[in-house]
PDB file of N, CA and C in Angstrom:
ATOM      1  N   MET A   1       4.429   8.542   7.928  1.00  0.00           N
ATOM      2  CA  MET A   1       5.256   7.965   6.939  1.00  0.00           C
ATOM      3  C   MET A   1       6.186   8.241   5.949  1.00  0.00           C
ATOM      4  N   SER A   2       7.554   7.687   5.693  1.00  0.00           N
ATOM      5  CA  SER A   2       8.471   8.030   4.805  1.00  0.00           C
ATOM      6  C   SER A   2       8.747   7.457   3.870  1.00  0.00           C
ATOM      7  N   ALA A   3       8.750   7.356   2.975  1.00  0.00           N
ATOM      8  CA  ALA A   3       9.704   6.727   1.622  1.00  0.00           C
ATOM      9  C   ALA A   3      10.801   7.501   0.976  1.00  0.00           C
ATOM     10  N   VAL A   4      11.590   7.080   0.471  1.00  0.00           N
ATOM     11  CA  VAL A   4      12.982   6.996  -0.026  1.00  0.00           C
ATOM     12  C   VAL A   4      12.911   6.587  -1.930  1.00  0.00           C
ATOM     13  N   VAL A   5      13.504   7.428  -2.674  1.00  0.00           N
ATOM     14  CA  VAL A   5      12.706   7.121  -3.904  1.00  0.00           C
ATOM     15  C   VAL A   5      14.371   7.483  -4.784  1.00  0.00           C
ATOM     16  N   ASP A   6      14.500   6.424  -5.595  1.00  0.00           N
ATOM     17  CA  ASP A   6      15.852   6.828  -6.242  1.00  0.00           C
ATOM     18  C   ASP A   6      15.731   6.880  -7.691  1.00  0.00           C
ATOM     19  N   CYS A   7      15.603   7.676  -8.306  1.00  0.00           N
ATOM     20  CA  CYS A   7      15.458   7.326 -10.178  1.00  0.00           C
ATOM     21  C   CYS A   7      16.721   8.592 -10.813  1.00  0.00           C
ATOM     22  N   ARG A   8      17.751   8.154 -10.152  1.00  0.00           N
ATOM     23  CA  ARG A   8      18.331   8.932 -10.801  1.00  0.00           C
ATOM     24  C   ARG A   8      18.411  10.266 -10.823  1.00  0.00           C
ATOM     25  N   ILE A   9      18.386  11.278 -11.744  1.00  0.00           N
ATOM     26  CA  ILE A   9      18.085  12.982 -12.067  1.00  0.00           C
ATOM     27  C   ILE A   9      16.461  12.866 -12.047  1.00  0.00           C
ATOM     28  N   THR A  10      15.899  13.925 -10.973  1.00  0.00           N
ATOM     29  CA  THR A  10      14.418  14.194 -10.784  1.00  0.00           C
ATOM     30  C   THR A  10      14.204  15.029 -12.344  1.00  0.00           C
ATOM     31  N   VAL A  11      13.471  14.628 -13.365  1.00  0.00           N
ATOM     32  CA  VAL A  11      12.916  15.946 -13.959  1.00  0.00           C
ATOM     33  C   VAL A  11      12.043  16.512 -13.298  1.00  0.00           C
ATOM     34  N   ASN A  12      10.530  16.071 -12.609  1.00  0.00           N
ATOM     35  CA  ASN A  12       9.656  16.536 -12.394  1.00  0.00           C
ATOM     36  C   ASN A  12       9.139  16.488 -10.801  1.00  0.00           C
ATOM     37  N   THR A  13       9.880  17.155  -9.838  1.00  0.00           N
ATOM     38  CA  THR A  13       9.971  17.016  -8.855  1.00  0.00           C
ATOM     39  C   THR A  13       8.414  16.306  -8.235  1.00  0.00           C
ATOM     40  N   ASP A  14       7.442  17.386  -8.131  1.00  0.00           N
ATOM     41  CA  ASP A  14       6.068  17.408  -8.146  1.00  0.00           C
ATOM     42  C   ASP A  14       5.551  15.901  -8.632  1.00  0.00           C
ATOM     43  N   ALA A  15       5.745  15.766  -9.633  1.00  0.00           N
ATOM     44  CA  ALA A  15       5.127  14.745 -10.253  1.00  0.00           C
ATOM     45  C   ALA A  15       5.712  13.303  -9.476  1.00  0.00           C
ATOM     46  N   LEU A  16       6.913  13.380  -9.171  1.00  0.00           N
ATOM     47  CA  LEU A  16       7.484  12.287  -8.817  1.00  0.00           C
ATOM     48  C   LEU A  16       7.120  11.687  -7.200  1.00  0.00           C
ATOM     49  N   ILE A  17       6.888  13.231  -6.424  1.00  0.00           N
ATOM     50  CA  ILE A  17       6.216  12.734  -5.185  1.00  0.00           C
ATOM     51  C   ILE A  17       4.568  12.216  -5.219  1.00  0.00           C
ATOM     52  N   ALA A  18       3.753  13.040  -6.160  1.00  0.00           N
ATOM     53  CA  ALA A  18       2.843  12.884  -6.212  1.00  0.00           C
ATOM     54  C   ALA A  18       2.355  10.855  -7.072  1.00  0.00           C
ATOM     55  N   GLN A  19       3.438  10.572  -7.488  1.00  0.00           N
ATOM     56  CA  GLN A  19       3.578   8.956  -8.368  1.00  0.00           C
ATOM     57  C   GLN A  19       3.869   8.424  -7.186  1.00  0.00           C
ATOM     58  N   MET A  20       4.790   8.699  -5.944  1.00  0.00           N
ATOM     59  CA  MET A  20       5.003   8.047  -4.708  1.00  0.00           C
ATOM     60  C   MET A  20       3.999   7.844  -3.872  1.00  0.00           C
ATOM     61  N   GLU A  21       3.245   9.008  -3.526  1.00  0.00           N
ATOM     62  CA  GLU A  21       1.628   9.066  -2.615  1.00  0.00           C
ATOM     63  C   GLU A  21       0.875   8.255  -2.929  1.00  0.00           C
ATOM     64  N   GLY A  22       0.754   8.393  -4.673  1.00  0.00           N
ATOM     65  CA  GLY A  22      -0.737   7.961  -4.981  1.00  0.00           C
ATOM     66  C   GLY A  22      -0.379   6.445  -5.168  1.00  0.00           C
ATOM     67  N   GLY A  23       0.905   6.177  -5.491  1.00  0.00           N
ATOM     68  CA  GLY A  23       0.929   4.532  -5.430  1.00  0.00           C
ATOM     69  C   GLY A  23       1.200   3.888  -3.934  1.00  0.00           C
ATOM     70  N   LEU A  24       1.452   4.440  -3.142  1.00  0.00           N
ATOM     71  CA  LEU A  24       1.668   3.955  -1.752  1.00  0.00           C
ATOM     72  C   LEU A  24       0.260   3.717  -1.375  1.00  0.00           C
ATOM     73  N   LEU A  25      -1.083   5.088  -1.455  1.00  0.00           N
ATOM     74  CA  LEU A  25      -2.002   4.838  -0.885  1.00  0.00           C
ATOM     75  C   LEU A  25      -2.741   3.896  -1.506  1.00  0.00           C
ATOM     76  N   PHE A  26      -2.325   3.240  -3.229  1.00  0.00           N
ATOM     77  CA  PHE A  26      -3.003   2.720  -4.118  1.00  0.00           C
ATOM     78  C   PHE A  26      -3.235   1.411  -3.259  1.00  0.00           C
ATOM     79  N   GLY A  27      -1.225   0.476  -3.079  1.00  0.00           N
ATOM     80  CA  GLY A  27      -1.229  -0.056  -2.642  1.00  0.00           C
ATOM     81  C   GLY A  27      -1.611  -0.319  -1.441  1.00  0.00           C
ATOM     82  N   PHE A  28      -1.505   0.571   0.101  1.00  0.00           N
ATOM     83  CA  PHE A  28      -2.211   0.311   1.082  1.00  0.00           C
ATOM     84  C   PHE A  28      -3.989  -0.231   1.577  1.00  0.00           C
ATOM     85  N   SER A  29      -4.163   0.640   0.313  1.00  0.00           N
ATOM     86  CA  SER A  29      -5.634   0.355   0.421  1.00  0.00           C
ATOM     87  C   SER A  29      -5.626  -1.104  -0.592  1.00  0.00           C
ATOM     88  N   THR A  30      -5.537  -1.419  -1.482  1.00  0.00           N
ATOM     89  CA  THR A  30      -5.486  -2.556  -1.512  1.00  0.00           C
ATOM     90  C   THR A  30      -5.235  -3.439  -0.541  1.00  0.00           C
ATOM     91  N   ALA A  31      -3.882  -3.565   0.456  1.00  0.00           N
ATOM     92  CA  ALA A  31      -3.599  -4.477   1.733  1.00  0.00           C
ATOM     93  C   ALA A  31      -4.042  -4.651   2.465  1.00  0.00           C
ATOM     94  N   LEU A  32      -5.058  -3.437   3.040  1.00  0.00           N
ATOM     95  CA  LEU A  32      -6.235  -3.079   3.761  1.00  0.00           C
ATOM     96  C   LEU A  32      -7.596  -3.586   3.858  1.00  0.00           C
ATOM     97  N   TYR A  33      -7.873  -3.143   2.591  1.00  0.00           N
ATOM     98  CA  TYR A  33      -9.905  -3.622   2.420  1.00  0.00           C
ATOM     99  C   TYR A  33     -10.122  -4.337   0.888  1.00  0.00           C
ATOM    100  N   GLU A  34      -9.746  -3.642   0.158  1.00  0.00           N
ATOM    101  CA  GLU A  34      -9.772  -4.296  -1.410  1.00  0.00           C
ATOM    102  C   GLU A  34      -9.576  -6.281  -1.086  1.00  0.00           C
ATOM    103  N   GLU A  35     -11.024  -6.687  -1.095  1.00  0.00           N
ATOM    104  CA  GLU A  35     -11.089  -8.359  -1.261  1.00  0.00           C
ATOM    105  C   GLU A  35     -12.146  -8.840  -2.405  1.00  0.00           C
ATOM    106  N   ILE A  36     -11.862  -9.566  -2.902  1.00  0.00           N
ATOM    107  CA  ILE A  36     -13.473 -10.357  -3.804  1.00  0.00           C
ATOM    108  C   ILE A  36     -13.615 -11.124  -3.169  1.00  0.00           C
ATOM    109  N   ASN A  37     -15.260 -11.470  -2.968  1.00  0.00           N
ATOM    110  CA  ASN A  37     -15.376 -12.487  -2.574  1.00  0.00           C
ATOM    111  C   ASN A  37     -16.150 -13.282  -3.579  1.00  0.00           C
ATOM    112  N   ILE A  38     -16.277 -14.507  -3.620  1.00  0.00           N
ATOM    113  CA  ILE A  38     -16.879 -15.365  -4.543  1.00  0.00           C
ATOM    114  C   ILE A  38     -18.053 -16.297  -3.941  1.00  0.00           C
ATOM    115  N   LYS A  39     -19.297 -16.188  -4.350  1.00  0.00           N
ATOM    116  CA  LYS A  39     -20.088 -17.121  -3.145  1.00  0.00           C
ATOM    117  C   LYS A  39     -20.890 -17.817  -4.551  1.00  0.00           C
ATOM    118  N   ASP A  40     -21.067 -18.902  -4.611  1.00  0.00           N
ATOM    119  CA  ASP A  40     -22.406 -19.633  -5.698  1.00  0.00           C
ATOM    120  C   ASP A  40     -21.990 -19.179  -6.710  1.00  0.00           C
ATOM    121  N   GLY A  41     -20.324 -18.917  -7.075  1.00  0.00           N
ATOM    122  CA  GLY A  41     -19.958 -18.885  -8.802  1.00  0.00           C
ATOM    123  C   GLY A  41     -20.000 -18.036  -9.327  1.00  0.00           C
ATOM    124  N   ARG A  42     -21.002 -16.475  -7.678  1.00  0.00           N
ATOM    125  CA  ARG A  42     -20.947 -14.751  -8.355  1.00  0.00           C
ATOM    126  C   ARG A  42     -19.757 -14.059  -7.922  1.00  0.00           C
ATOM    127  N   ILE A  43     -19.399 -13.009  -7.850  1.00  0.00           N
ATOM    128  CA  ILE A  43     -18.684 -12.162  -7.417  1.00  0.00           C
ATOM    129  C   ILE A  43     -19.907 -11.487  -6.531  1.00  0.00           C
ATOM    130  N   GLU A  44     -19.539 -11.793  -5.545  1.00  0.00           N
ATOM    131  CA  GLU A  44     -20.316 -10.571  -4.183  1.00  0.00           C
ATOM    132  C   GLU A  44     -20.575  -9.289  -4.238  1.00  0.00           C
ATOM    133  N   GLN A  45     -18.763  -8.403  -4.395  1.00  0.00           N
ATOM    134  CA  GLN A  45     -19.334  -6.816  -4.657  1.00  0.00           C
ATOM    135  C   GLN A  45     -19.463  -6.382  -6.029  1.00  0.00           C
ATOM    136  N   SER A  46     -20.165  -5.496  -5.898  1.00  0.00           N
ATOM    137  CA  SER A  46     -20.803  -4.741  -7.567  1.00  0.00           C
ATOM    138  C   SER A  46     -20.259  -3.246  -7.912  1.00  0.00           C
ATOM    139  N   ASN A  47     -20.121  -2.956  -7.023  1.00  0.00           N
ATOM    140  CA  ASN A  47     -19.672  -1.503  -6.869  1.00  0.00           C
ATOM    141  C   ASN A  47     -18.777  -0.873  -5.407  1.00  0.00           C
ATOM    142  N   PHE A  48     -18.516   0.105  -5.661  1.00  0.00           N
ATOM    143  CA  PHE A  48     -17.889   0.954  -4.447  1.00  0.00           C
ATOM    144  C   PHE A  48     -18.923   0.870  -3.383  1.00  0.00           C
ATOM    145  N   HIS A  49     -19.932   0.591  -3.149  1.00  0.00           N
ATOM    146  CA  HIS A  49     -21.116   0.551  -1.897  1.00  0.00           C
ATOM    147  C   HIS A  49     -20.614  -1.020  -1.186  1.00  0.00           C
ATOM    148  N   ASN A  50     -20.109  -2.378  -1.983  1.00  0.00           N
ATOM    149  CA  ASN A  50     -19.796  -3.512  -1.217  1.00  0.00           C
ATOM    150  C   ASN A  50     -18.085  -3.162  -1.168  1.00  0.00           C
ATOM    151  N   TYR A  51     -17.360  -2.617  -1.863  1.00  0.00           N
ATOM    152  CA  TYR A  51     -15.772  -2.836  -1.956  1.00  0.00           C
ATOM    153  C   TYR A  51     -14.996  -2.079  -1.771  1.00  0.00           C
ATOM    154  N   PRO A  52     -14.718  -1.673  -0.660  1.00  0.00           N
ATOM    155  CA  PRO A  52     -14.406  -0.755  -0.021  1.00  0.00           C
ATOM    156  C   PRO A  52     -12.798  -0.549  -0.395  1.00  0.00           C
ATOM    157  N   ILE A  53     -12.717   1.010  -0.615  1.00  0.00           N
ATOM    158  CA  ILE A  53     -11.218   2.040  -0.921  1.00  0.00           C
ATOM    159  C   ILE A  53     -10.700   2.442   0.309  1.00  0.00           C
ATOM    160  N   MET A  54      -9.441   3.030   0.200  1.00  0.00           N
ATOM    161  CA  MET A  54      -9.027   4.069   1.371  1.00  0.00           C
ATOM    162  C   MET A  54      -9.394   5.523   0.620  1.00  0.00           C
ATOM    163  N   CYS A  55     -10.536   5.969   1.664  1.00  0.00           N
ATOM    164  CA  CYS A  55     -10.437   7.343   1.516  1.00  0.00           C
ATOM    165  C   CYS A  55      -9.929   8.594   2.321  1.00  0.00           C
ATOM    166  N   ILE A  56      -9.579   9.642   1.417  1.00  0.00           N
ATOM    167  CA  ILE A  56      -8.724  10.610   1.943  1.00  0.00           C
ATOM    168  C   ILE A  56      -8.448  10.735   3.498  1.00  0.00           C
ATOM    169  N   ASN A  57      -9.747  10.144   4.426  1.00  0.00           N
ATOM    170  CA  ASN A  57      -9.395  10.633   5.881  1.00  0.00           C
ATOM    171  C   ASN A  57      -8.994   9.320   6.597  1.00  0.00           C
ATOM    172  N   ASP A  58      -8.364   8.408   5.135  1.00  0.00           N
ATOM    173  CA  ASP A  58      -7.913   7.007   6.047  1.00  0.00           C
ATOM    174  C   ASP A  58      -6.337   7.323   5.795  1.00  0.00           C
ATOM    175  N   ALA A  59      -5.696   7.872   5.000  1.00  0.00           N
ATOM    176  CA  ALA A  59      -4.650   7.681   4.303  1.00  0.00           C
ATOM    177  C   ALA A  59      -3.662   8.797   5.175  1.00  0.00           C
ATOM    178  N   PRO A  60      -2.627   8.128   5.742  1.00  0.00           N
ATOM    179  CA  PRO A  60      -1.062   8.992   6.571  1.00  0.00           C
ATOM    180  C   PRO A  60      -0.681  10.015   5.841  1.00  0.00           C
ATOM    181  N   PRO A  61      -0.210  10.976   6.575  1.00  0.00           N
ATOM    182  CA  PRO A  61       0.752  11.714   5.589  1.00  0.00           C
ATOM    183  C   PRO A  61       1.977  11.126   5.382  1.00  0.00           C
ATOM    184  N   ILE A  62       2.274  11.439   4.267  1.00  0.00           N
ATOM    185  CA  ILE A  62       3.463  10.688   3.825  1.00  0.00           C
ATOM    186  C   ILE A  62       4.452  11.731   2.977  1.00  0.00           C
ATOM    187  N   ASP A  63       5.727  11.167   3.646  1.00  0.00           N
ATOM    188  CA  ASP A  63       7.070  12.126   3.605  1.00  0.00           C
ATOM    189  C   ASP A  63       7.949  11.545   2.464  1.00  0.00           C
ATOM    190  N   VAL A  64       7.726  11.828   1.056  1.00  0.00           N
ATOM    191  CA  VAL A  64       8.652  11.767   0.402  1.00  0.00           C
ATOM    192  C   VAL A  64      10.177  12.052  -0.001  1.00  0.00           C
ATOM    193  N   HIS A  65      11.169  11.005   0.473  1.00  0.00           N
ATOM    194  CA  HIS A  65      12.590  12.004   0.164  1.00  0.00           C
ATOM    195  C   HIS A  65      13.093  11.368  -0.879  1.00  0.00           C
ATOM    196  N   ILE A  66      13.893  11.860  -1.516  1.00  0.00           N
ATOM    197  CA  ILE A  66      14.154  11.853  -3.414  1.00  0.00           C
ATOM    198  C   ILE A  66      15.911  11.822  -3.076  1.00  0.00           C
ATOM    199  N   THR A  67      16.526  10.855  -3.299  1.00  0.00           N
ATOM    200  CA  THR A  67      18.211  10.903  -3.464  1.00  0.00           C
ATOM    201  C   THR A  67      18.698  11.862  -4.480  1.00  0.00           C
ATOM    202  N   LYS A  68      19.585  12.029  -4.187  1.00  0.00           N
ATOM    203  CA  LYS A  68      20.414  12.767  -5.013  1.00  0.00           C
ATOM    204  C   LYS A  68      21.344  12.307  -5.965  1.00  0.00           C
ATOM    205  N   ILE A  69      21.168  11.834  -7.094  1.00  0.00           N
ATOM    206  CA  ILE A  69      21.915  10.702  -7.593  1.00  0.00           C
ATOM    207  C   ILE A  69      22.104  11.561  -8.907  1.00  0.00           C
ATOM    208  N   THR A  70      23.249  11.680  -9.692  1.00  0.00           N
ATOM    209  CA  THR A  70      23.604  12.673 -10.745  1.00  0.00           C
ATOM    210  C   THR A  70      23.776  11.967 -11.837  1.00  0.00           C
ATOM    211  N   GLU A  71      23.293  10.038 -12.113  1.00  0.00           N
ATOM    212  CA  GLU A  71      23.436   9.688 -13.456  1.00  0.00           C
ATOM    213  C   GLU A  71      22.211   9.766 -13.927  1.00  0.00           C
ATOM    214  N   ASN A  72      22.137   9.581 -15.428  1.00  0.00           N
ATOM    215  CA  ASN A  72      21.493   9.435 -16.537  1.00  0.00           C
ATOM    216  C   ASN A  72      19.745   9.311 -15.879  1.00  0.00           C
ATOM    217  N   PRO A  73      18.722   9.937 -16.044  1.00  0.00           N
ATOM    218  CA  PRO A  73      17.082   9.974 -15.463  1.00  0.00           C
ATOM    219  C   PRO A  73      16.854   8.169 -15.512  1.00  0.00           C
ATOM    220  N   GLY A  74      15.788   7.892 -14.675  1.00  0.00           N
ATOM    221  CA  GLY A  74      15.562   6.293 -15.007  1.00  0.00           C
ATOM    222  C   GLY A  74      14.086   6.276 -15.191  1.00  0.00           C
ATOM    223  N   SER A  75      13.230   5.524 -14.792  1.00  0.00           N
ATOM    224  CA  SER A  75      11.890   5.728 -14.564  1.00  0.00           C
ATOM    225  C   SER A  75      11.311   5.385 -13.278  1.00  0.00           C
ATOM    226  N   ILE A  76       9.859   6.062 -13.043  1.00  0.00           N
ATOM    227  CA  ILE A  76       9.660   5.752 -11.866  1.00  0.00           C
ATOM    228  C   ILE A  76       8.697   4.143 -11.520  1.00  0.00           C
ATOM    229  N   GLY A  77       7.896   4.199 -12.449  1.00  0.00           N
ATOM    230  CA  GLY A  77       6.974   2.947 -12.489  1.00  0.00           C
ATOM    231  C   GLY A  77       5.698   2.880 -11.335  1.00  0.00           C
ATOM    232  N   GLU A  78       5.612   1.713 -11.097  1.00  0.00           N
ATOM    233  CA  GLU A  78       4.641   1.734 -10.227  1.00  0.00           C
ATOM    234  C   GLU A  78       5.615   1.015  -8.869  1.00  0.00           C
ATOM    235  N   VAL A  79       6.409   1.340  -8.918  1.00  0.00           N
ATOM    236  CA  VAL A  79       7.486   0.962  -7.377  1.00  0.00           C
ATOM    237  C   VAL A  79       7.038   1.030  -5.829  1.00  0.00           C
ATOM    238  N   SER A  80       6.182   2.079  -5.808  1.00  0.00           N
ATOM    239  CA  SER A  80       5.830   2.236  -4.753  1.00  0.00           C
ATOM    240  C   SER A  80       4.219   1.959  -4.110  1.00  0.00           C
ATOM    241  N   THR A  81       3.801   1.209  -5.393  1.00  0.00           N
ATOM    242  CA  THR A  81       2.476   0.237  -4.968  1.00  0.00           C
ATOM    243  C   THR A  81       3.078  -0.761  -4.395  1.00  0.00           C
ATOM    244  N   THR A  82       3.992  -1.546  -4.912  1.00  0.00           N
ATOM    245  CA  THR A  82       4.173  -2.919  -5.063  1.00  0.00           C
ATOM    246  C   THR A  82       5.170  -3.095  -2.981  1.00  0.00           C
ATOM    247  N   ALA A  83       5.524  -1.707  -2.915  1.00  0.00           N
ATOM    248  CA  ALA A  83       6.381  -1.289  -1.875  1.00  0.00           C
ATOM    249  C   ALA A  83       5.477  -1.290  -0.527  1.00  0.00           C
ATOM    250  N   ALA A  84       4.134  -1.299  -0.759  1.00  0.00           N
ATOM    251  CA  ALA A  84       3.097  -0.799   0.294  1.00  0.00           C
ATOM    252  C   ALA A  84       3.162  -2.121   0.853  1.00  0.00           C
ATOM    253  N   PHE A  85       2.592  -3.405   0.007  1.00  0.00           N
ATOM    254  CA  PHE A  85       2.483  -5.066   0.775  1.00  0.00           C
ATOM    255  C   PHE A  85       3.372  -4.565   1.585  1.00  0.00           C
ATOM    256  N   PRO A  86       4.882  -5.117   1.648  1.00  0.00           N
ATOM    257  CA  PRO A  86       5.661  -5.675   2.451  1.00  0.00           C
ATOM    258  C   PRO A  86       6.068  -4.661   3.194  1.00  0.00           C
ATOM    259  N   SER A  87       5.962  -3.535   3.559  1.00  0.00           N
ATOM    260  CA  SER A  87       6.224  -2.299   4.076  1.00  0.00           C
ATOM    261  C   SER A  87       4.924  -2.556   5.312  1.00  0.00           C
ATOM    262  N   LEU A  88       3.714  -2.539   5.346  1.00  0.00           N
ATOM    263  CA  LEU A  88       2.699  -2.833   5.854  1.00  0.00           C
ATOM    264  C   LEU A  88       2.978  -4.342   6.705  1.00  0.00           C
ATOM    265  N   GLY A  89       3.531  -5.171   5.986  1.00  0.00           N
ATOM    266  CA  GLY A  89       3.703  -6.718   6.327  1.00  0.00           C
ATOM    267  C   GLY A  89       4.449  -6.499   7.598  1.00  0.00           C
ATOM    268  N   ASN A  90       5.629  -6.034   7.017  1.00  0.00           N
ATOM    269  CA  ASN A  90       6.513  -5.695   7.967  1.00  0.00           C
ATOM    270  C   ASN A  90       6.153  -4.704   9.721  1.00  0.00           C
ATOM    271  N   ALA A  91       5.757  -3.662   9.187  1.00  0.00           N
ATOM    272  CA  ALA A  91       4.767  -3.059  10.165  1.00  0.00           C
ATOM    273  C   ALA A  91       4.158  -3.723  11.129  1.00  0.00           C
ATOM    274  N   LEU A  92       2.606  -5.099  10.584  1.00  0.00           N
ATOM    275  CA  LEU A  92       2.359  -5.577  11.175  1.00  0.00           C
ATOM    276  C   LEU A  92       2.970  -7.117  12.078  1.00  0.00           C
ATOM    277  N   PHE A  93       4.037  -7.529  11.627  1.00  0.00           N
ATOM    278  CA  PHE A  93       4.530  -8.217  11.989  1.00  0.00           C
ATOM    279  C   PHE A  93       5.374  -7.744  13.640  1.00  0.00           C
ATOM    280  N   ASN A  94       6.375  -6.320  13.495  1.00  0.00           N
ATOM    281  CA  ASN A  94       6.714  -6.090  13.964  1.00  0.00           C
ATOM    282  C   ASN A  94       5.696  -5.375  15.257  1.00  0.00           C
ATOM    283  N   ALA A  95       4.229  -5.079  15.027  1.00  0.00           N
ATOM    284  CA  ALA A  95       3.513  -4.796  16.106  1.00  0.00           C
ATOM    285  C   ALA A  95       2.676  -6.096  16.702  1.00  0.00           C
ATOM    286  N   ILE A  96       2.761  -7.305  16.297  1.00  0.00           N
ATOM    287  CA  ILE A  96       1.734  -8.405  16.959  1.00  0.00           C
ATOM    288  C   ILE A  96       2.494  -9.639  16.524  1.00  0.00           C
ATOM    289  N   GLY A  97       3.986  -8.920  16.663  1.00  0.00           N
ATOM    290  CA  GLY A  97       5.104 -10.759  16.066  1.00  0.00           C
ATOM    291  C   GLY A  97       4.416 -11.635  15.875  1.00  0.00           C
ATOM    292  N   LYS A  98       3.216 -11.754  14.668  1.00  0.00           N
ATOM    293  CA  LYS A  98       3.497 -12.896  13.610  1.00  0.00           C
ATOM    294  C   LYS A  98       3.050 -12.330  12.463  1.00  0.00           C
ATOM    295  N   ARG A  99       3.604 -13.422  11.455  1.00  0.00           N
ATOM    296  CA  ARG A  99       3.808 -12.924   9.889  1.00  0.00           C
ATOM    297  C   ARG A  99       2.510 -13.060   9.633  1.00  0.00           C
ATOM    298  N   CYS A 100       1.516 -12.099   8.805  1.00  0.00           N
ATOM    299  CA  CYS A 100       0.200 -12.175   8.079  1.00  0.00           C
ATOM    300  C   CYS A 100       0.588 -12.657   6.738  1.00  0.00           C
ATOM    301  N   LYS A 101       0.254 -13.503   6.523  1.00  0.00           N
ATOM    302  CA  LYS A 101       0.430 -14.083   4.857  1.00  0.00           C
ATOM    303  C   LYS A 101      -0.671 -14.482   3.720  1.00  0.00           C
ATOM    304  N   ARG A 102      -1.536 -13.756   4.338  1.00  0.00           N
ATOM    305  CA  ARG A 102      -2.770 -13.528   4.007  1.00  0.00           C
ATOM    306  C   ARG A 102      -3.247 -11.930   3.488  1.00  0.00           C
ATOM    307  N   TYR A 103      -3.901 -11.589   2.063  1.00  0.00           N
ATOM    308  CA  TYR A 103      -4.345  -9.860   2.019  1.00  0.00           C
ATOM    309  C   TYR A 103      -5.968 -10.162   1.633  1.00  0.00           C
ATOM    310  N   PRO A 104      -6.345  -9.169   2.125  1.00  0.00           N
ATOM    311  CA  PRO A 104      -6.407  -7.951   2.984  1.00  0.00           C
ATOM    312  C   PRO A 104      -5.968  -8.236   4.313  1.00  0.00           C
ATOM    313  N   PHE A 105      -5.325  -7.378   4.947  1.00  0.00           N
ATOM    314  CA  PHE A 105      -5.307  -7.486   6.228  1.00  0.00           C
ATOM    315  C   PHE A 105      -6.164  -6.595   6.869  1.00  0.00           C
ATOM    316  N   SER A 106      -7.413  -7.331   6.853  1.00  0.00           N
ATOM    317  CA  SER A 106      -8.402  -6.736   7.307  1.00  0.00           C
ATOM    318  C   SER A 106      -8.734  -6.620   8.920  1.00  0.00           C
ATOM    319  N   PRO A 107      -9.463  -5.946   9.686  1.00  0.00           N
ATOM    320  CA  PRO A 107      -9.189  -6.093  10.997  1.00  0.00           C
ATOM    321  C   PRO A 107      -9.941  -7.241  11.164  1.00  0.00           C
ATOM    322  N   HIS A 108     -11.084  -7.891  10.582  1.00  0.00           N
ATOM    323  CA  HIS A 108     -11.265  -9.591  10.838  1.00  0.00           C
ATOM    324  C   HIS A 108     -10.263 -10.445  11.238  1.00  0.00           C
ATOM    325  N   PHE A 109      -9.310 -10.596   9.807  1.00  0.00           N
ATOM    326  CA  PHE A 109      -8.485 -11.336   9.719  1.00  0.00           C
ATOM    327  C   PHE A 109      -7.265 -10.991  10.530  1.00  0.00           C
ATOM    328  N   LEU A 110      -6.747  -9.793  11.064  1.00  0.00           N
ATOM    329  CA  LEU A 110      -5.933  -9.287  12.367  1.00  0.00           C
ATOM    330  C   LEU A 110      -6.184  -9.846  13.776  1.00  0.00           C
ATOM    331  N   MET A 111      -7.509  -9.868  13.784  1.00  0.00           N
ATOM    332  CA  MET A 111      -7.995 -10.094  14.924  1.00  0.00           C
ATOM    333  C   MET A 111      -8.027 -11.908  15.122  1.00  0.00           C
ATOM    334  N   GLU A 112      -8.353 -12.429  14.006  1.00  0.00           N
ATOM    335  CA  GLU A 112      -8.171 -13.928  14.090  1.00  0.00           C
ATOM    336  C   GLU A 112      -6.862 -14.623  14.298  1.00  0.00           C
ATOM    337  N   ILE A 113      -5.319 -13.578  13.664  1.00  0.00           N
ATOM    338  CA  ILE A 113      -4.470 -13.390  14.050  1.00  0.00           C
ATOM    339  C   ILE A 113      -4.073 -13.461  16.118  1.00  0.00           C
ATOM    340  N   VAL A 114      -4.313 -12.529  15.874  1.00  0.00           N
ATOM    341  CA  VAL A 114      -4.343 -12.056  17.046  1.00  0.00           C
ATOM    342  C   VAL A 114      -4.760 -13.006  18.473  1.00  0.00           C
ATOM    343  N   SER A 115      -5.715 -13.556  17.994  1.00  0.00           N
ATOM    344  CA  SER A 115      -6.678 -14.174  19.010  1.00  0.00           C
ATOM    345  C   SER A 115      -6.014 -15.709  19.016  1.00  0.00           C
ATOM    346  N   ARG A 116      -4.910 -16.017  17.803  1.00  0.00           N
ATOM    347  CA  ARG A 116      -3.666 -17.248  18.502  1.00  0.00           C
ATOM    348  C   ARG A 116      -2.973 -17.378  19.121  1.00  0.00           C
ATOM    349  N   PHE A 117      -2.892 -16.265  19.881  1.00  0.00           N
ATOM    350  CA  PHE A 117      -1.626 -16.489  20.760  1.00  0.00           C
ATOM    351  C   PHE A 117      -2.121 -16.897  22.177  1.00  0.00           C
TER     352      PHE A 117
END
């Protein structure tokens, strides 16, 4: 996977790359696995044993490209976290030809969409 970021002059390249990688993985984890279910007025998930998150062995390699802009430095914030959802949604649309309009993109949910064809 590749990501391109423009935050003008980069002050700390390693920190910027780490911020992008971490944000993307957090966003993909949320988009793929993280779901809160309520049953009888109570939240069913109580801890990480029944609230899955992306583990390191699930993480794809990420190649971060930084633009060479010479304007005054800006900030990066959590731009990569918010970019993960639509990027994954577009990739799934290209793969299955159907727009997924609900998160998380769990295997059960994707099978439900594919079975409608």
